């Protein structure tokens, strides 16, 4: 399978370390592209729900693949989210082509882009973090239930379904929250003079122009690798939402251990690292 050239890739809300994460699918995607720059826009590793009992090899391979990009000199910018907020105390850390920070301003083509995870706009994150954490546990449980339901549907010869998507689409407050989130992000970006605002957090892939009295901005959201399996791609002056389709990878090469010849990953024990982060007080 030939690798696709992509100028910029934005990925968010992978939630490595949870049962809902589609790590194998993400790994196939990462192996299929040749990016010039990668932005990991928050919630890549789910430190909130991290447990030694669940860290499959497929999740480790995603980490190794990202580190392999770093070893090859591809700029990788890791922006922190709410589920990996413990990394915020290491903001502005750099190692080779890897940069860890909280938000990013950069020029894409002739336009300015403002990139951040987006949890700052979530009221529950600001005033009731315990409620947000409880919701995350419930969401992960729903994903587990969904996998059982889909297994049964496949056995019955029926199409898979997403319970979380159905719930989101059927609850007016959820739809309103998503719209308010997008408009708020766009409004602030316009006031700051940006032409693009790029977020994650709400697991809702989107590219749309939002206008206010003060101007307009292109709002972009990379979605997630739990429900939608999406990423943002910018290439040759145009944006698109990449959506994972299994049929695109039927001829892909068998997965191999990406740790070979990768000095950055040989000594990496992600479980020990995350245990250390969880034991340290957040500054």
C-alpha atoms as a PDB file:
ATOM      1  CA  UNK A   1       0.000   0.000   0.000  1.00  0.00           C
ATOM      2  CA  UNK A   2       1.541   3.317  -1.127  1.00  0.00           C
ATOM      3  CA  UNK A   3       1.806   5.990   1.541  1.00  0.00           C
ATOM      4  CA  UNK A   4      -0.103   9.218   0.959  1.00  0.00           C
ATOM      5  CA  UNK A   5       1.713  12.530   1.268  1.00  0.00           C
ATOM      6  CA  UNK A   6      -0.063  14.894   3.666  1.00  0.00           C
ATOM      7  CA  UNK A   7       1.164  18.362   4.640  1.00  0.00           C
ATOM      8  CA  UNK A   8      -0.532  18.413   8.047  1.00  0.00           C
ATOM      9  CA  UNK A   9      -2.452  15.828  10.071  1.00  0.00           C
ATOM     10  CA  UNK A  10      -4.512  16.668  13.174  1.00  0.00           C
ATOM     11  CA  UNK A  11      -5.595  13.831  15.463  1.00  0.00           C
ATOM     12  CA  UNK A  12      -7.373  14.098  18.799  1.00  0.00           C
ATOM     13  CA  UNK A  13      -9.321  12.100  21.366  1.00  0.00           C
ATOM     14  CA  UNK A  14      -7.651   8.750  20.820  1.00  0.00           C
ATOM     15  CA  UNK A  15      -8.024   7.776  24.502  1.00  0.00           C
ATOM     16  CA  UNK A  16      -5.275   5.170  24.567  1.00  0.00           C
ATOM     17  CA  UNK A  17      -5.725   2.987  27.626  1.00  0.00           C
ATOM     18  CA  UNK A  18      -9.504   2.674  27.362  1.00  0.00           C
ATOM     19  CA  UNK A  19     -11.640  -0.124  25.943  1.00  0.00           C
ATOM     20  CA  UNK A  20     -13.257   2.153  23.367  1.00  0.00           C
ATOM     21  CA  UNK A  21     -10.007   3.156  21.660  1.00  0.00           C
ATOM     22  CA  UNK A  22      -9.616   1.883  18.093  1.00  0.00           C
ATOM     23  CA  UNK A  23      -5.828   1.627  18.279  1.00  0.00           C
ATOM     24  CA  UNK A  24      -5.435  -0.978  15.524  1.00  0.00           C
ATOM     25  CA  UNK A  25      -7.372   1.178  13.079  1.00  0.00           C
ATOM     26  CA  UNK A  26      -5.371   4.275  14.034  1.00  0.00           C
ATOM     27  CA  UNK A  27      -2.124   2.367  13.582  1.00  0.00           C
ATOM     28  CA  UNK A  28      -3.173   1.323  10.068  1.00  0.00           C
ATOM     29  CA  UNK A  29      -3.952   4.941   9.266  1.00  0.00           C
ATOM     30  CA  UNK A  30      -0.643   6.229  10.620  1.00  0.00           C
ATOM     31  CA  UNK A  31       1.239   3.619   8.598  1.00  0.00           C
ATOM     32  CA  UNK A  32      -0.601   4.693   5.444  1.00  0.00           C
ATOM     33  CA  UNK A  33       0.497   8.348   5.449  1.00  0.00           C
ATOM     34  CA  UNK A  34       3.686  10.352   5.013  1.00  0.00           C
ATOM     35  CA  UNK A  35       2.997  13.579   6.939  1.00  0.00           C
ATOM     36  CA  UNK A  36       5.126  16.717   7.049  1.00  0.00           C
ATOM     37  CA  UNK A  37       3.685  17.735  10.441  1.00  0.00           C
ATOM     38  CA  UNK A  38       1.492  15.959  12.999  1.00  0.00           C
ATOM     39  CA  UNK A  39      -0.601  17.714  15.646  1.00  0.00           C
ATOM     40  CA  UNK A  40      -1.933  15.527  18.464  1.00  0.00           C
ATOM     41  CA  UNK A  41      -4.716  17.723  19.802  1.00  0.00           C
ATOM     42  CA  UNK A  42      -5.356  16.342  23.273  1.00  0.00           C
ATOM     43  CA  UNK A  43      -6.732  13.243  24.988  1.00  0.00           C
ATOM     44  CA  UNK A  44      -4.285  10.982  23.185  1.00  0.00           C
ATOM     45  CA  UNK A  45      -3.503   8.951  26.317  1.00  0.00           C
ATOM     46  CA  UNK A  46      -6.400   8.733  28.772  1.00  0.00           C
ATOM     47  CA  UNK A  47      -4.594   9.308  32.073  1.00  0.00           C
ATOM     48  CA  UNK A  48      -7.927   9.762  33.881  1.00  0.00           C
ATOM     49  CA  UNK A  49      -8.924   6.147  33.332  1.00  0.00           C
ATOM     50  CA  UNK A  50      -5.496   4.607  32.918  1.00  0.00           C
ATOM     51  CA  UNK A  51      -5.077   1.195  34.522  1.00  0.00           C
ATOM     52  CA  UNK A  52      -2.225  -1.313  34.452  1.00  0.00           C
ATOM     53  CA  UNK A  53      -4.832  -3.979  33.822  1.00  0.00           C
ATOM     54  CA  UNK A  54      -5.621  -2.610  30.365  1.00  0.00           C
ATOM     55  CA  UNK A  55      -2.813  -1.535  28.063  1.00  0.00           C
ATOM     56  CA  UNK A  56      -2.904  -3.787  24.948  1.00  0.00           C
ATOM     57  CA  UNK A  57       0.049  -4.167  22.608  1.00  0.00           C
ATOM     58  CA  UNK A  58      -1.926  -2.338  19.906  1.00  0.00           C
ATOM     59  CA  UNK A  59      -1.996   0.769  22.117  1.00  0.00           C
ATOM     60  CA  UNK A  60       1.759   0.519  22.679  1.00  0.00           C
ATOM     61  CA  UNK A  61       2.299   0.211  18.928  1.00  0.00           C
ATOM     62  CA  UNK A  62       0.511   3.527  18.353  1.00  0.00           C
ATOM     63  CA  UNK A  63       2.906   5.193  20.808  1.00  0.00           C
ATOM     64  CA  UNK A  64       5.864   3.555  19.059  1.00  0.00           C
ATOM     65  CA  UNK A  65       4.655   4.688  15.664  1.00  0.00           C
ATOM     66  CA  UNK A  66       4.359   8.285  16.859  1.00  0.00           C
ATOM     67  CA  UNK A  67       7.862   8.074  18.330  1.00  0.00           C
ATOM     68  CA  UNK A  68       9.075   6.647  15.043  1.00  0.00           C
ATOM     69  CA  UNK A  69       7.820   9.784  13.301  1.00  0.00           C
ATOM     70  CA  UNK A  70       9.782  11.808  15.862  1.00  0.00           C
ATOM     71  CA  UNK A  71      12.914   9.731  15.273  1.00  0.00           C
ATOM     72  CA  UNK A  72      12.561  10.384  11.542  1.00  0.00           C
ATOM     73  CA  UNK A  73      12.460  14.137  12.164  1.00  0.00           C
ATOM     74  CA  UNK A  74       8.763  14.691  11.460  1.00  0.00           C
ATOM     75  CA  UNK A  75       7.541  17.602  13.656  1.00  0.00           C
ATOM     76  CA  UNK A  76       5.039  16.225  16.175  1.00  0.00           C
ATOM     77  CA  UNK A  77       3.196  18.742  18.356  1.00  0.00           C
ATOM     78  CA  UNK A  78       1.352  17.281  21.344  1.00  0.00           C
ATOM     79  CA  UNK A  79      -1.317  19.630  22.709  1.00  0.00           C
ATOM     80  CA  UNK A  80      -2.715  18.671  26.090  1.00  0.00           C
ATOM     81  CA  UNK A  81      -6.392  17.915  26.701  1.00  0.00           C
ATOM     82  CA  UNK A  82      -8.471  17.266  29.803  1.00  0.00           C
ATOM     83  CA  UNK A  83      -7.890  13.505  29.945  1.00  0.00           C
ATOM     84  CA  UNK A  84      -4.125  14.042  29.710  1.00  0.00           C
ATOM     85  CA  UNK A  85      -4.097  17.309  31.665  1.00  0.00           C
ATOM     86  CA  UNK A  86      -1.329  15.994  33.934  1.00  0.00           C
ATOM     87  CA  UNK A  87       1.049  16.671  31.072  1.00  0.00           C
ATOM     88  CA  UNK A  88       0.304  20.400  31.309  1.00  0.00           C
ATOM     89  CA  UNK A  89       2.969  20.869  33.945  1.00  0.00           C
ATOM     90  CA  UNK A  90       5.498  19.907  31.255  1.00  0.00           C
ATOM     91  CA  UNK A  91       4.249  22.544  28.769  1.00  0.00           C
ATOM     92  CA  UNK A  92       6.858  23.805  26.293  1.00  0.00           C
ATOM     93  CA  UNK A  93       8.931  20.643  26.698  1.00  0.00           C
ATOM     94  CA  UNK A  94      10.896  19.716  23.559  1.00  0.00           C
ATOM     95  CA  UNK A  95      12.714  16.549  22.550  1.00  0.00           C
ATOM     96  CA  UNK A  96      14.033  16.436  19.017  1.00  0.00           C
ATOM     97  CA  UNK A  97      11.076  17.135  16.732  1.00  0.00           C
ATOM     98  CA  UNK A  98       8.545  16.502  19.540  1.00  0.00           C
ATOM     99  CA  UNK A  99       6.974  19.526  21.246  1.00  0.00           C
ATOM    100  CA  UNK A 100       4.557  19.408  24.176  1.00  0.00           C
ATOM    101  CA  UNK A 101       2.404  22.489  24.772  1.00  0.00           C
ATOM    102  CA  UNK A 102      -1.132  23.591  25.662  1.00  0.00           C
ATOM    103  CA  UNK A 103      -2.109  25.564  22.568  1.00  0.00           C
ATOM    104  CA  UNK A 104      -0.586  26.441  19.242  1.00  0.00           C
ATOM    105  CA  UNK A 105      -0.613  29.338  16.823  1.00  0.00           C
ATOM    106  CA  UNK A 106       0.786  28.666  13.375  1.00  0.00           C
ATOM    107  CA  UNK A 107       0.555  29.755   9.778  1.00  0.00           C
ATOM    108  CA  UNK A 108      -1.077  27.332   7.355  1.00  0.00           C
ATOM    109  CA  UNK A 109      -0.657  28.538   3.816  1.00  0.00           C
ATOM    110  CA  UNK A 110      -1.425  32.250   3.934  1.00  0.00           C
ATOM    111  CA  UNK A 111      -3.772  31.969   6.915  1.00  0.00           C
ATOM    112  CA  UNK A 112      -3.295  31.922  10.683  1.00  0.00           C
ATOM    113  CA  UNK A 113      -4.552  28.969  12.713  1.00  0.00           C
ATOM    114  CA  UNK A 114      -5.331  28.704  16.412  1.00  0.00           C
ATOM    115  CA  UNK A 115      -5.163  25.114  17.670  1.00  0.00           C
ATOM    116  CA  UNK A 116      -6.212  23.858  21.117  1.00  0.00           C
ATOM    117  CA  UNK A 117      -8.120  20.928  22.594  1.00  0.00           C
ATOM    118  CA  UNK A 118     -11.222  22.860  23.650  1.00  0.00           C
ATOM    119  CA  UNK A 119     -11.981  21.646  27.178  1.00  0.00           C
ATOM    120  CA  UNK A 120     -11.663  25.268  28.346  1.00  0.00           C
ATOM    121  CA  UNK A 121     -15.159  25.835  26.889  1.00  0.00           C
ATOM    122  CA  UNK A 122     -16.665  22.920  28.822  1.00  0.00           C
ATOM    123  CA  UNK A 123     -18.465  24.237  31.920  1.00  0.00           C
ATOM    124  CA  UNK A 124     -18.337  20.843  33.654  1.00  0.00           C
ATOM    125  CA  UNK A 125     -14.563  20.825  33.230  1.00  0.00           C
ATOM    126  CA  UNK A 126     -14.219  24.238  34.843  1.00  0.00           C
ATOM    127  CA  UNK A 127     -16.680  23.955  37.729  1.00  0.00           C
ATOM    128  CA  UNK A 128     -17.525  20.265  38.267  1.00  0.00           C
ATOM    129  CA  UNK A 129     -14.535  18.178  37.247  1.00  0.00           C
ATOM    130  CA  UNK A 130     -15.770  15.251  39.343  1.00  0.00           C
ATOM    131  CA  UNK A 131     -18.915  15.184  37.214  1.00  0.00           C
ATOM    132  CA  UNK A 132     -16.845  15.168  34.025  1.00  0.00           C
ATOM    133  CA  UNK A 133     -14.759  12.260  35.341  1.00  0.00           C
ATOM    134  CA  UNK A 134     -17.903  10.355  36.277  1.00  0.00           C
ATOM    135  CA  UNK A 135     -19.260  11.008  32.799  1.00  0.00           C
ATOM    136  CA  UNK A 136     -16.043   9.646  31.272  1.00  0.00           C
ATOM    137  CA  UNK A 137     -16.474   6.386  33.189  1.00  0.00           C
ATOM    138  CA  UNK A 138     -20.091   6.159  32.044  1.00  0.00           C
ATOM    139  CA  UNK A 139     -19.070   6.881  28.459  1.00  0.00           C
ATOM    140  CA  UNK A 140     -16.432   4.134  28.519  1.00  0.00           C
ATOM    141  CA  UNK A 141     -19.016   1.712  29.947  1.00  0.00           C
ATOM    142  CA  UNK A 142     -21.426   2.652  27.167  1.00  0.00           C
ATOM    143  CA  UNK A 143     -18.713   1.907  24.586  1.00  0.00           C
ATOM    144  CA  UNK A 144     -18.206  -1.532  26.154  1.00  0.00           C
ATOM    145  CA  UNK A 145     -21.950  -2.204  26.023  1.00  0.00           C
ATOM    146  CA  UNK A 146     -21.973  -0.985  22.421  1.00  0.00           C
ATOM    147  CA  UNK A 147     -19.302  -3.529  21.460  1.00  0.00           C
ATOM    148  CA  UNK A 148     -21.461  -6.359  22.837  1.00  0.00           C
ATOM    149  CA  UNK A 149     -24.523  -5.036  20.998  1.00  0.00           C
ATOM    150  CA  UNK A 150     -22.577  -4.766  17.729  1.00  0.00           C
ATOM    151  CA  UNK A 151     -21.249  -8.303  18.133  1.00  0.00           C
ATOM    152  CA  UNK A 152     -24.821  -9.538  18.411  1.00  0.00           C
ATOM    153  CA  UNK A 153     -25.946  -7.426  15.429  1.00  0.00           C
ATOM    154  CA  UNK A 154     -23.167  -8.837  13.233  1.00  0.00           C
ATOM    155  CA  UNK A 155     -24.148 -12.380  14.230  1.00  0.00           C
ATOM    156  CA  UNK A 156     -27.709 -11.563  13.177  1.00  0.00           C
ATOM    157  CA  UNK A 157     -26.494 -10.187   9.862  1.00  0.00           C
ATOM    158  CA  UNK A 158     -27.466  -6.623  10.706  1.00  0.00           C
ATOM    159  CA  UNK A 159     -25.533  -3.367  10.474  1.00  0.00           C
ATOM    160  CA  UNK A 160     -23.527  -2.061  13.432  1.00  0.00           C
ATOM    161  CA  UNK A 161     -24.791   0.958  15.357  1.00  0.00           C
ATOM    162  CA  UNK A 162     -23.352   3.602  17.682  1.00  0.00           C
ATOM    163  CA  UNK A 163     -25.310   3.977  20.913  1.00  0.00           C
ATOM    164  CA  UNK A 164     -23.387   7.106  21.925  1.00  0.00           C
ATOM    165  CA  UNK A 165     -24.101   8.799  18.595  1.00  0.00           C
ATOM    166  CA  UNK A 166     -27.802   7.990  18.888  1.00  0.00           C
ATOM    167  CA  UNK A 167     -27.934   9.394  22.400  1.00  0.00           C
ATOM    168  CA  UNK A 168     -26.106  12.576  21.377  1.00  0.00           C
ATOM    169  CA  UNK A 169     -28.351  13.124  18.370  1.00  0.00           C
ATOM    170  CA  UNK A 170     -31.538  12.520  20.337  1.00  0.00           C
ATOM    171  CA  UNK A 171     -30.825  14.828  23.278  1.00  0.00           C
ATOM    172  CA  UNK A 172     -31.446  18.483  22.484  1.00  0.00           C
ATOM    173  CA  UNK A 173     -29.048  19.703  25.182  1.00  0.00           C
ATOM    174  CA  UNK A 174     -26.221  17.636  23.667  1.00  0.00           C
ATOM    175  CA  UNK A 175     -26.856  19.108  20.220  1.00  0.00           C
ATOM    176  CA  UNK A 176     -27.017  22.606  21.705  1.00  0.00           C
ATOM    177  CA  UNK A 177     -23.751  22.049  23.609  1.00  0.00           C
ATOM    178  CA  UNK A 178     -21.944  21.078  20.402  1.00  0.00           C
ATOM    179  CA  UNK A 179     -23.285  24.100  18.525  1.00  0.00           C
ATOM    180  CA  UNK A 180     -22.460  26.469  21.420  1.00  0.00           C
ATOM    181  CA  UNK A 181     -18.953  24.997  21.624  1.00  0.00           C
ATOM    182  CA  UNK A 182     -18.320  25.597  17.925  1.00  0.00           C
ATOM    183  CA  UNK A 183     -19.694  29.142  17.944  1.00  0.00           C
ATOM    184  CA  UNK A 184     -17.740  30.078  21.087  1.00  0.00           C
ATOM    185  CA  UNK A 185     -14.464  28.794  19.641  1.00  0.00           C
ATOM    186  CA  UNK A 186     -15.139  30.592  16.346  1.00  0.00           C
ATOM    187  CA  UNK A 187     -16.083  33.874  18.015  1.00  0.00           C
ATOM    188  CA  UNK A 188     -12.880  33.997  20.059  1.00  0.00           C
ATOM    189  CA  UNK A 189     -10.776  33.064  17.029  1.00  0.00           C
ATOM    190  CA  UNK A 190     -12.304  35.892  14.981  1.00  0.00           C
ATOM    191  CA  UNK A 191     -11.631  38.374  17.777  1.00  0.00           C
ATOM    192  CA  UNK A 192      -7.982  37.264  17.857  1.00  0.00           C
ATOM    193  CA  UNK A 193      -7.601  37.606  14.091  1.00  0.00           C
ATOM    194  CA  UNK A 194      -7.352  33.941  13.128  1.00  0.00           C
ATOM    195  CA  UNK A 195      -8.749  32.434   9.923  1.00  0.00           C
ATOM    196  CA  UNK A 196      -8.765  28.840  11.230  1.00  0.00           C
ATOM    197  CA  UNK A 197      -9.686  27.492  14.667  1.00  0.00           C
ATOM    198  CA  UNK A 198      -8.930  23.810  15.220  1.00  0.00           C
ATOM    199  CA  UNK A 199     -10.317  21.856  18.185  1.00  0.00           C
ATOM    200  CA  UNK A 200     -11.072  18.388  19.496  1.00  0.00           C
ATOM    201  CA  UNK A 201     -12.785  17.429  22.780  1.00  0.00           C
ATOM    202  CA  UNK A 202     -16.400  17.021  21.643  1.00  0.00           C
ATOM    203  CA  UNK A 203     -15.794  13.981  19.379  1.00  0.00           C
ATOM    204  CA  UNK A 204     -17.651  15.656  16.524  1.00  0.00           C
ATOM    205  CA  UNK A 205     -15.694  15.900  13.235  1.00  0.00           C
ATOM    206  CA  UNK A 206     -16.526  19.099  11.388  1.00  0.00           C
ATOM    207  CA  UNK A 207     -15.319  21.642   8.858  1.00  0.00           C
ATOM    208  CA  UNK A 208     -17.525  24.686   8.437  1.00  0.00           C
ATOM    209  CA  UNK A 209     -17.342  28.438   8.046  1.00  0.00           C
ATOM    210  CA  UNK A 210     -18.867  30.334  10.970  1.00  0.00           C
ATOM    211  CA  UNK A 211     -19.783  33.996  10.611  1.00  0.00           C
ATOM    212  CA  UNK A 212     -20.372  36.570  13.327  1.00  0.00           C
ATOM    213  CA  UNK A 213     -20.861  40.324  13.298  1.00  0.00           C
ATOM    214  CA  UNK A 214     -17.085  40.730  13.503  1.00  0.00           C
ATOM    215  CA  UNK A 215     -16.140  38.447  10.629  1.00  0.00           C
ATOM    216  CA  UNK A 216     -15.794  34.788   9.736  1.00  0.00           C
ATOM    217  CA  UNK A 217     -13.528  31.848  10.495  1.00  0.00           C
ATOM    218  CA  UNK A 218     -13.215  28.245   9.363  1.00  0.00           C
ATOM    219  CA  UNK A 219     -13.973  26.000  12.320  1.00  0.00           C
ATOM    220  CA  UNK A 220     -12.401  22.518  12.206  1.00  0.00           C
ATOM    221  CA  UNK A 221     -12.719  19.577  14.571  1.00  0.00           C
ATOM    222  CA  UNK A 222     -10.735  16.370  14.184  1.00  0.00           C
ATOM    223  CA  UNK A 223     -13.351  14.131  15.797  1.00  0.00           C
ATOM    224  CA  UNK A 224     -12.053  11.065  17.636  1.00  0.00           C
ATOM    225  CA  UNK A 225     -10.851   7.447  17.471  1.00  0.00           C
ATOM    226  CA  UNK A 226     -13.636   6.070  19.660  1.00  0.00           C
ATOM    227  CA  UNK A 227     -16.810   6.555  17.614  1.00  0.00           C
ATOM    228  CA  UNK A 228     -15.973   8.333  14.363  1.00  0.00           C
ATOM    229  CA  UNK A 229     -12.373   7.248  13.604  1.00  0.00           C
ATOM    230  CA  UNK A 230     -11.517  10.549  11.950  1.00  0.00           C
ATOM    231  CA  UNK A 231      -8.647  12.983  11.478  1.00  0.00           C
ATOM    232  CA  UNK A 232      -8.128  16.333   9.800  1.00  0.00           C
ATOM    233  CA  UNK A 233      -5.809  16.474   6.805  1.00  0.00           C
ATOM    234  CA  UNK A 234      -4.425  19.559   5.094  1.00  0.00           C
ATOM    235  CA  UNK A 235      -2.715  19.037   1.746  1.00  0.00           C
ATOM    236  CA  UNK A 236      -2.040  21.294  -1.217  1.00  0.00           C
ATOM    237  CA  UNK A 237      -4.052  24.152   0.232  1.00  0.00           C
ATOM    238  CA  UNK A 238      -7.211  22.182   1.071  1.00  0.00           C
ATOM    239  CA  UNK A 239      -8.703  20.652   4.224  1.00  0.00           C
ATOM    240  CA  UNK A 240     -10.568  17.377   4.429  1.00  0.00           C
ATOM    241  CA  UNK A 241     -11.933  15.098   7.137  1.00  0.00           C
ATOM    242  CA  UNK A 242     -10.346  11.675   6.836  1.00  0.00           C
ATOM    243  CA  UNK A 243     -12.732   8.874   7.796  1.00  0.00           C
ATOM    244  CA  UNK A 244     -11.424   5.372   8.421  1.00  0.00           C
ATOM    245  CA  UNK A 245     -12.946   2.655   6.242  1.00  0.00           C
ATOM    246  CA  UNK A 246     -11.782  -0.966   6.737  1.00  0.00           C
ATOM    247  CA  UNK A 247     -12.129  -1.666   3.004  1.00  0.00           C
ATOM    248  CA  UNK A 248      -9.312   0.787   2.296  1.00  0.00           C
ATOM    249  CA  UNK A 249      -6.866  -1.458   4.152  1.00  0.00           C
ATOM    250  CA  UNK A 250      -7.712  -4.904   2.823  1.00  0.00           C
ATOM    251  CA  UNK A 251      -4.412  -4.990   0.926  1.00  0.00           C
ATOM    252  CA  UNK A 252      -2.358  -3.479   3.754  1.00  0.00           C
ATOM    253  CA  UNK A 253       0.797  -5.231   4.900  1.00  0.00           C
ATOM    254  CA  UNK A 254       0.607  -7.382   8.049  1.00  0.00           C
ATOM    255  CA  UNK A 255       1.278  -5.419  11.227  1.00  0.00           C
ATOM    256  CA  UNK A 256       4.817  -5.718  12.525  1.00  0.00           C
ATOM    257  CA  UNK A 257       6.469  -4.723  15.762  1.00  0.00           C
ATOM    258  CA  UNK A 258       7.351  -1.080  15.216  1.00  0.00           C
ATOM    259  CA  UNK A 259       9.889  -1.093  18.022  1.00  0.00           C
ATOM    260  CA  UNK A 260      12.614  -2.538  15.796  1.00  0.00           C
ATOM    261  CA  UNK A 261      15.522  -0.116  15.379  1.00  0.00           C
ATOM    262  CA  UNK A 262      13.601   2.496  17.372  1.00  0.00           C
ATOM    263  CA  UNK A 263      15.839   3.623  20.218  1.00  0.00           C
ATOM    264  CA  UNK A 264      13.207   6.038  21.526  1.00  0.00           C
ATOM    265  CA  UNK A 265      10.724   3.259  22.175  1.00  0.00           C
ATOM    266  CA  UNK A 266      13.058   0.462  23.299  1.00  0.00           C
ATOM    267  CA  UNK A 267      13.317   1.879  26.821  1.00  0.00           C
ATOM    268  CA  UNK A 268       9.789   3.265  27.046  1.00  0.00           C
ATOM    269  CA  UNK A 269       7.469   1.763  29.663  1.00  0.00           C
ATOM    270  CA  UNK A 270       4.279   3.763  29.304  1.00  0.00           C
ATOM    271  CA  UNK A 271       2.697   2.205  32.378  1.00  0.00           C
ATOM    272  CA  UNK A 272       5.517   3.302  34.662  1.00  0.00           C
ATOM    273  CA  UNK A 273       5.481   6.774  33.117  1.00  0.00           C
ATOM    274  CA  UNK A 274       1.747   7.255  33.633  1.00  0.00           C
ATOM    275  CA  UNK A 275       1.932   5.915  37.173  1.00  0.00           C
ATOM    276  CA  UNK A 276       4.579   8.566  37.881  1.00  0.00           C
ATOM    277  CA  UNK A 277       2.439  11.319  36.377  1.00  0.00           C
ATOM    278  CA  UNK A 278      -0.597  10.286  38.418  1.00  0.00           C
ATOM    279  CA  UNK A 279       1.396  10.287  41.631  1.00  0.00           C
ATOM    280  CA  UNK A 280       2.770  13.782  41.076  1.00  0.00           C
ATOM    281  CA  UNK A 281       0.659  16.813  42.110  1.00  0.00           C
ATOM    282  CA  UNK A 282      -0.445  18.975  39.189  1.00  0.00           C
ATOM    283  CA  UNK A 283       1.136  22.432  39.413  1.00  0.00           C
END
